[in-house]
């Protein structure tokens, strides 16, 4: 093929390449552009010449936008649009295939734009699949697993390749999203991926068996720890929903999830003691179902956490074979009298609508008699409900209940809708036979939510609306139009002041200094008493409902009316605007200027897809807490938060983040790799911590701890960047004196200082200085310093604390128990970690009184300063040298 006259030989590609090199080295991009446009037109075979030039470009396989090869290819792509006669079809078939093979060789380890341009220019998708497949296999043989799967997706080769050989390496390298992209749109491949992950959830699975098939794989310690049934189960259940896979094909993941749910139920009932016997029994039967292994686990747990009698009752209920019963259960069965061989629950017919006096004194009570509560489960009652609820100008409290599934089922459907109006409540029973399918029911729901003249009150309606869409798929296809809706969660977050019943006004926030959370806390703050949430985790699909369940359902909806009435009657008392309806989720507390809005928009754009939060809270230095809405920056005039007052719990996927935050003085608890995510929720509830998590666990954790206690981060970010994001989100401004103010091993903030002479004494006592010459050398050194090397430690050392640890507490060395080498309540000093050679140059050691870790001055301080210089508040008083050792180090 030729695009010039026969007399013209055309420009030599190597001369053009040299011209490109010269201009590139001179950093003359405008001339490079001009040379490319002119040079490509002078080539006799531009497509072939381009490959010749790219193949000789330095760094051609790096694929970075600033490489010469990238610039040349982009210039060629622009040029060829103006020269449509330059096309691959002008070559002979053999020549075209040869050029395609050469282009294929340039595709590995390139950025997407470079790769896509080559594929389009040389029409690589039209190349023989066997050639493409061979190239992908070659990449795999070179351990370029990521490049192989990325290229196979781009070339559409998924069905031409061995699925397991493509998927397993990238999954083991912590690139599951790549595996998902590979199978997406191919039903059989989607099924194979889910089944593969489910097989890894089997109790006998060992990741080493898989790694033996790929011995050249380099697995990070972080991800090796995550290839565990707990993590894999989450992925299986997520992908099962995403790809619409029959859950019966994933028995291992479902069994694991049900077993975890069973443990959770045992904890709630026999550990926390916050679940009633009736609710526990309902949920246990749902979770265990007909799985014999789970039934055996249930009996084993009852032996451990409850009693042999209850274990024997449940073993009889499930007729568990004798050879699978725990020790003592069979004997307990034989001794049970007939009336105790069945599991007996309270008779719900004996329940009364009016609760006992103790309940009145402790919890909010609905001011309604039982006859004002209407079950709506047939056409007659439904039409009555419609006529009352849809009255123009009315106010309706809206709430919904659904069956807790503990993650065993991804989609939950609404079982009960509560609609409260003045002096009565309607309970729409969606579990009643045929009622949910009533033709005009969806129309009623649409009419209610879209009528702007009817004020609907709710509290954090996101979960309710999601379940509503799962109940009626039509609502997913054509979403509800929301008009006249007021989410009291937003109002709650706006509240600035409420009056204590006895002590007058005080500042409040969602979750401050209270065991109550969410709506219950709002009711307590506004009406004086919290909600009784005992029945929150009930079996809402079981009929008939217990009186206590009905009371709970009615109270959850009717309290919205009472709260709204109280807030509306005196909004100023609570720091609210006169018109509560003006409060929206995106409205800031004060009017900000244009510059602030632009900053918010930029921040939101950077964080898009990376961060979610639900009214996360922070504490100011005056110990008052103010709400921080998702995406809302702290006011410019708000004082920064000392790191010691930020208390967080890091999920086990964010341990790197946790270490950085702890390094800067933040109070951080980190989950172990083997901990369930629910441990984070428990810590958040018990210790008033904010959960830091990422990915799928966010939704689960947020629902467990309620509003204001969970922040989600991007797992793909580096730990340092995550730490900076958290610090800025909470307006935390650490100073150099905060660095290493907490023990990096256990989070304690108390140290004791041990002079070198006393450290030598302790090492001698425990036999860590057995070398006589070494011992003599240090004894002489200590004598020169006029320090005594005998059995008496320096009386009450109160050293001047290092400048970088003024925020920690200091204990006296006199508190050391010399026999056990422990401080009160702590672990033994880790003397074995102190290298004897260190004693010649380190005058003072620092020991954590809790875990016994030994620290000394090293060089980490400067590195931390460098890493976090963007957020550290450094003043002239800090007087930090430009270089030199100035921090705590430790020996592992």
Foldseek 3Di string as FASTA:
>chain_A
DFPDDPVQPFDDLVVLLVVLVVCVVVVPVVVNLVSLLVRCNRHGQNLVSLLVSLVPFPPLLQQDCSGSNNSSLVSVLVNCVVVVVRALVVDDPVVLLVSLLSLLVSQANHDPVSNVSSCVRSVNLPHDLVSLQVVLVVCVVVVVLVRSLVVCLVSVCLVVDDLCSNQVLCVQQVNVVSNCSSCPPPLVSLLVVLLVLLVLLAPPHDVVVVCVVVVVRDGDPLVNLCSYNQNSLLVSQVSCVVSVNDCVSRVSSLLVLLLVVLVVLLCVCQPVVLADPQQSVVLLCVSCPLPLVSLLVNLVVCVVRNNLLVSLLSCLVNVRDPVSHPPPNVVSVVPDDPVSSHDDDDDLVPDDLDDDPVCVVFADADPADPVQEAEDQDDVVVVVCLVPQLDFQWEKFWDFAWADPSSSHDAIATQWIWIDGPRHIYIYGCLHPPRVVPPCPVVSVLSNQQDQRYAYEYAPCPVVLRNHCVSPVVCVVPPRDGHNYAHCNLVQQQFAWAADPPPGIDGDHAPPPDLDGTPQVLLCRQVPHGHSCNCRNGRSNDPPDRSVNVRNSNCNRVSRVVSVVSCQVCVVNRPHDNDSVVGDLPDDNDDDDPVQVVVLVVQCVVCVVFKDAFQAWFAAPVRHIHTQHVSRFDDPPGDAHAQCRAAAEEEQLQVLLQLLSLQLQHQYHYDHSPDNPVVRLVCCSVPVHAYEEEDPCQVVSCVSNDGHRYMYGHSVDDSLVVNVVVCRSRRHFGALLNGPCAPSPGRAREKEKAFLLRLLLLCVVVVVPVPPVLNVVVCVVCVVVVHDNDDDGDDWDDDDDASRHPPGHYDTPVQADSVQCAGVQAHHAPSVQDDSVCSVPFGMWMADRHHNFIKGWAFVSLVSCVSPVVRYDYDVVSVDDPDDTRDIDGGD
